[in-house]
């Protein structure tokens, strides 16, 4: 899930605020498998219970972090 890795999210948000960034951001995630996904990414199993849960948890994480 988003936030479970080693990205310095607080530092990222602080840097964006410091430079006055007011645009949008996006995250690319793989919410469900497609036949091509294993060959492209070497991901051989489902990573999340569902795409909807991935979206909900990711939004909740970013909302808490941004505060």
Protein backbone atom coordinates (compact mmCIF):
# COMPACT_ATOMS: atom_id res chain seq x y z
CA UNK A 1 0.00 0.00 0.00
CA UNK A 2 1.00 3.60 -0.48
CA UNK A 3 3.18 4.75 2.40
CA UNK A 4 4.62 1.31 3.05
CA UNK A 5 7.85 1.90 1.15
CA UNK A 6 10.85 4.12 1.80
CA UNK A 7 9.85 7.40 0.11
CA UNK A 8 10.26 10.49 2.30
CA UNK A 9 6.70 11.69 1.80
CA UNK A 10 6.94 14.45 4.42
CA UNK A 11 10.10 15.74 2.77
CA UNK A 12 8.43 15.60 -0.64
CA UNK A 13 5.43 17.63 0.51
CA UNK A 14 7.71 20.11 2.30
CA UNK A 15 9.79 20.59 -0.86
CA UNK A 16 6.69 21.14 -3.00
CA UNK A 17 5.41 23.70 -0.51
CA UNK A 18 8.81 25.42 -0.40
CA UNK A 19 8.87 25.95 -4.17
CA UNK A 20 5.24 27.07 -4.21
CA UNK A 21 3.99 24.17 -6.31
CA UNK A 22 0.23 24.38 -6.72
CA UNK A 23 -0.38 21.88 -9.50
CA UNK A 24 -1.54 18.32 -9.45
CA UNK A 25 0.31 15.11 -8.80
CA UNK A 26 -0.40 11.52 -9.68
CA UNK A 27 0.63 8.06 -8.63
CA UNK A 28 0.83 5.08 -10.90
CA UNK A 29 -0.29 1.88 -9.25
CA UNK A 30 -1.18 -1.57 -10.42
CA UNK A 31 -4.53 -2.28 -8.80
CA UNK A 32 -5.25 -5.44 -10.68
CA UNK A 33 -3.39 -7.80 -12.91
CA UNK A 34 -3.54 -7.85 -16.66
CA UNK A 35 -2.12 -10.61 -18.84
CA UNK A 36 0.80 -8.35 -19.81
CA UNK A 37 1.69 -7.18 -16.28
CA UNK A 38 3.91 -10.09 -15.16
CA UNK A 39 6.15 -9.88 -18.21
CA UNK A 40 6.49 -6.09 -18.00
CA UNK A 41 6.98 -5.71 -14.23
CA UNK A 42 7.96 -9.16 -12.92
CA UNK A 43 4.96 -8.97 -10.58
CA UNK A 44 3.51 -12.47 -10.51
CA UNK A 45 0.77 -12.11 -7.87
CA UNK A 46 -1.95 -9.66 -6.90
CA UNK A 47 -0.40 -6.93 -4.74
CA UNK A 48 -3.60 -5.54 -3.20
CA UNK A 49 -6.98 -6.96 -2.20
CA UNK A 50 -8.76 -4.80 -4.80
CA UNK A 51 -8.23 -1.67 -6.91
CA UNK A 52 -10.90 0.13 -4.86
CA UNK A 53 -9.13 -0.60 -1.57
CA UNK A 54 -5.84 0.54 -3.07
CA UNK A 55 -7.42 3.85 -4.08
CA UNK A 56 -9.17 4.35 -0.71
CA UNK A 57 -6.06 3.58 1.35
CA UNK A 58 -3.82 5.68 -0.89
CA UNK A 59 -6.12 8.69 -0.67
CA UNK A 60 -6.44 8.29 3.11
CA UNK A 61 -2.63 8.13 3.47
CA UNK A 62 -2.07 11.27 1.39
CA UNK A 63 -4.87 13.13 3.16
CA UNK A 64 -3.40 12.32 6.59
CA UNK A 65 0.10 13.26 5.45
CA UNK A 66 -0.87 16.54 3.86
CA UNK A 67 -2.96 17.47 6.89
